[in-house]
C-alpha atoms as a PDB file:
ATOM      1  CA  UNK A   1      44.003 244.558   2.064  1.00  0.00           C
ATOM      2  CA  UNK A   2      47.627 245.491   1.448  1.00  0.00           C
ATOM      3  CA  UNK A   3      49.750 242.425   0.659  1.00  0.00           C
ATOM      4  CA  UNK A   4      53.435 242.517   1.597  1.00  0.00           C
ATOM      5  CA  UNK A   5      54.977 239.051   1.223  1.00  0.00           C
ATOM      6  CA  UNK A   6      57.512 238.626   4.001  1.00  0.00           C
ATOM      7  CA  UNK A   7      59.754 236.039   5.595  1.00  0.00           C
ATOM      8  CA  UNK A   8      60.295 236.457   9.311  1.00  0.00           C
ATOM      9  CA  UNK A   9      62.172 234.932  12.215  1.00  0.00           C
ATOM     10  CA  UNK A  10      60.780 234.916  15.736  1.00  0.00           C
ATOM     11  CA  UNK A  11      62.805 234.018  18.826  1.00  0.00           C
ATOM     12  CA  UNK A  12      61.976 233.129  22.400  1.00  0.00           C
ATOM     13  CA  UNK A  13      65.034 235.113  23.589  1.00  0.00           C
ATOM     14  CA  UNK A  14      68.589 235.846  22.426  1.00  0.00           C
ATOM     15  CA  UNK A  15      70.048 232.566  21.137  1.00  0.00           C
ATOM     16  CA  UNK A  16      66.796 230.865  22.106  1.00  0.00           C
ATOM     17  CA  UNK A  17      64.240 228.882  20.161  1.00  0.00           C
ATOM     18  CA  UNK A  18      63.757 230.130  16.589  1.00  0.00           C
ATOM     19  CA  UNK A  19      60.764 230.013  14.276  1.00  0.00           C
ATOM     20  CA  UNK A  20      60.813 230.902  10.578  1.00  0.00           C
ATOM     21  CA  UNK A  21      57.591 231.802   8.822  1.00  0.00           C
ATOM     22  CA  UNK A  22      56.187 233.406   5.684  1.00  0.00           C
ATOM     23  CA  UNK A  23      53.141 235.650   5.392  1.00  0.00           C
ATOM     24  CA  UNK A  24      51.417 238.141   3.148  1.00  0.00           C
ATOM     25  CA  UNK A  25      50.668 240.413   6.130  1.00  0.00           C
ATOM     26  CA  UNK A  26      53.624 240.710   8.512  1.00  0.00           C
ATOM     27  CA  UNK A  27      51.935 243.044  10.998  1.00  0.00           C
ATOM     28  CA  UNK A  28      48.875 240.834  11.319  1.00  0.00           C
ATOM     29  CA  UNK A  29      50.857 237.609  11.566  1.00  0.00           C
ATOM     30  CA  UNK A  30      53.321 238.860  14.199  1.00  0.00           C
ATOM     31  CA  UNK A  31      50.424 240.278  16.217  1.00  0.00           C
ATOM     32  CA  UNK A  32      48.794 236.838  16.099  1.00  0.00           C
ATOM     33  CA  UNK A  33      51.988 235.196  17.385  1.00  0.00           C
ATOM     34  CA  UNK A  34      52.416 237.785  20.151  1.00  0.00           C
ATOM     35  CA  UNK A  35      48.826 237.344  21.288  1.00  0.00           C
ATOM     36  CA  UNK A  36      48.936 233.538  21.185  1.00  0.00           C
ATOM     37  CA  UNK A  37      46.386 233.415  18.358  1.00  0.00           C
ATOM     38  CA  UNK A  38      48.492 230.838  16.479  1.00  0.00           C
ATOM     39  CA  UNK A  39      48.206 227.391  17.997  1.00  0.00           C
ATOM     40  CA  UNK A  40      51.249 225.177  17.751  1.00  0.00           C
ATOM     41  CA  UNK A  41      54.990 225.620  17.958  1.00  0.00           C
ATOM     42  CA  UNK A  42      55.223 229.356  18.723  1.00  0.00           C
ATOM     43  CA  UNK A  43      52.534 229.161  21.374  1.00  0.00           C
ATOM     44  CA  UNK A  44      53.998 226.040  22.984  1.00  0.00           C
ATOM     45  CA  UNK A  45      57.563 227.413  23.154  1.00  0.00           C
ATOM     46  CA  UNK A  46      56.651 231.079  23.745  1.00  0.00           C
ATOM     47  CA  UNK A  47      58.339 232.274  20.555  1.00  0.00           C
ATOM     48  CA  UNK A  48      57.059 235.780  19.817  1.00  0.00           C
ATOM     49  CA  UNK A  49      59.964 238.238  19.507  1.00  0.00           C
ATOM     50  CA  UNK A  50      60.404 239.441  15.924  1.00  0.00           C
ATOM     51  CA  UNK A  51      64.184 239.434  15.435  1.00  0.00           C
ATOM     52  CA  UNK A  52      64.452 239.405  11.622  1.00  0.00           C
ATOM     53  CA  UNK A  53      62.294 239.969   8.572  1.00  0.00           C
ATOM     54  CA  UNK A  54      62.668 240.592   4.887  1.00  0.00           C
ATOM     55  CA  UNK A  55      60.053 241.692   2.397  1.00  0.00           C
ATOM     56  CA  UNK A  56      59.651 240.274  -1.102  1.00  0.00           C
ATOM     57  CA  UNK A  57      58.023 241.331  -4.343  1.00  0.00           C
ATOM     58  CA  UNK A  58      55.969 238.151  -4.647  1.00  0.00           C
ATOM     59  CA  UNK A  59      54.716 235.405  -2.388  1.00  0.00           C
ATOM     60  CA  UNK A  60      56.567 232.906  -4.571  1.00  0.00           C
ATOM     61  CA  UNK A  61      59.958 234.454  -3.826  1.00  0.00           C
ATOM     62  CA  UNK A  62      59.065 234.731  -0.130  1.00  0.00           C
ATOM     63  CA  UNK A  63      58.149 231.039   0.038  1.00  0.00           C
ATOM     64  CA  UNK A  64      61.355 230.073  -1.776  1.00  0.00           C
ATOM     65  CA  UNK A  65      63.399 232.117   0.714  1.00  0.00           C
ATOM     66  CA  UNK A  66      61.533 230.638   3.696  1.00  0.00           C
ATOM     67  CA  UNK A  67      62.335 227.124   2.489  1.00  0.00           C
ATOM     68  CA  UNK A  68      65.977 228.104   1.986  1.00  0.00           C
ATOM     69  CA  UNK A  69      66.288 229.547   5.499  1.00  0.00           C
ATOM     70  CA  UNK A  70      64.628 226.513   7.076  1.00  0.00           C
ATOM     71  CA  UNK A  71      67.349 224.320   5.546  1.00  0.00           C
ATOM     72  CA  UNK A  72      70.148 226.451   7.006  1.00  0.00           C
ATOM     73  CA  UNK A  73      71.960 225.242  10.091  1.00  0.00           C
ATOM     74  CA  UNK A  74      71.366 227.082  13.353  1.00  0.00           C
ATOM     75  CA  UNK A  75      74.678 228.993  13.272  1.00  0.00           C
ATOM     76  CA  UNK A  76      73.859 230.474   9.851  1.00  0.00           C
ATOM     77  CA  UNK A  77      70.444 231.596  11.100  1.00  0.00           C
ATOM     78  CA  UNK A  78      71.966 233.208  14.193  1.00  0.00           C
ATOM     79  CA  UNK A  79      74.565 234.968  12.042  1.00  0.00           C
ATOM     80  CA  UNK A  80      71.823 236.323   9.758  1.00  0.00           C
ATOM     81  CA  UNK A  81      69.943 237.701  12.762  1.00  0.00           C
ATOM     82  CA  UNK A  82      73.053 239.206  14.352  1.00  0.00           C
ATOM     83  CA  UNK A  83      74.224 240.849  11.104  1.00  0.00           C
ATOM     84  CA  UNK A  84      70.953 242.770  10.995  1.00  0.00           C
ATOM     85  CA  UNK A  85      69.917 242.912  14.643  1.00  0.00           C
ATOM     86  CA  UNK A  86      72.972 242.360  16.893  1.00  0.00           C
ATOM     87  CA  UNK A  87      71.067 243.070  20.111  1.00  0.00           C
ATOM     88  CA  UNK A  88      68.174 240.759  19.170  1.00  0.00           C
ATOM     89  CA  UNK A  89      65.751 243.644  19.731  1.00  0.00           C
ATOM     90  CA  UNK A  90      62.064 243.091  19.103  1.00  0.00           C
ATOM     91  CA  UNK A  91      61.438 244.655  15.685  1.00  0.00           C
ATOM     92  CA  UNK A  92      57.684 244.786  16.277  1.00  0.00           C
ATOM     93  CA  UNK A  93      57.735 248.570  16.738  1.00  0.00           C
ATOM     94  CA  UNK A  94      59.487 249.023  13.383  1.00  0.00           C
ATOM     95  CA  UNK A  95      56.764 247.306  11.377  1.00  0.00           C
ATOM     96  CA  UNK A  96      53.686 248.904  12.934  1.00  0.00           C
END
């Protein structure tokens, strides 16, 4: 199985509820969120639009970045998304 450590941000809608996660398989993990295969926060709040992601060389650096982003305030997170994806488009098609 091809491992691609990634940090990702899902949103319920533009400026909506955000979720930050880390995974070794971005395609598989986002598919799970979109198909409500992940019980918990994203399922409860219908958070399944991939609005930002970044890939890392190692899982360690991805986890460090995830922890950093989770500590950011909401405005910083929104700015990060809008710098890279100003229309808050679903990036799902780009990663398949």
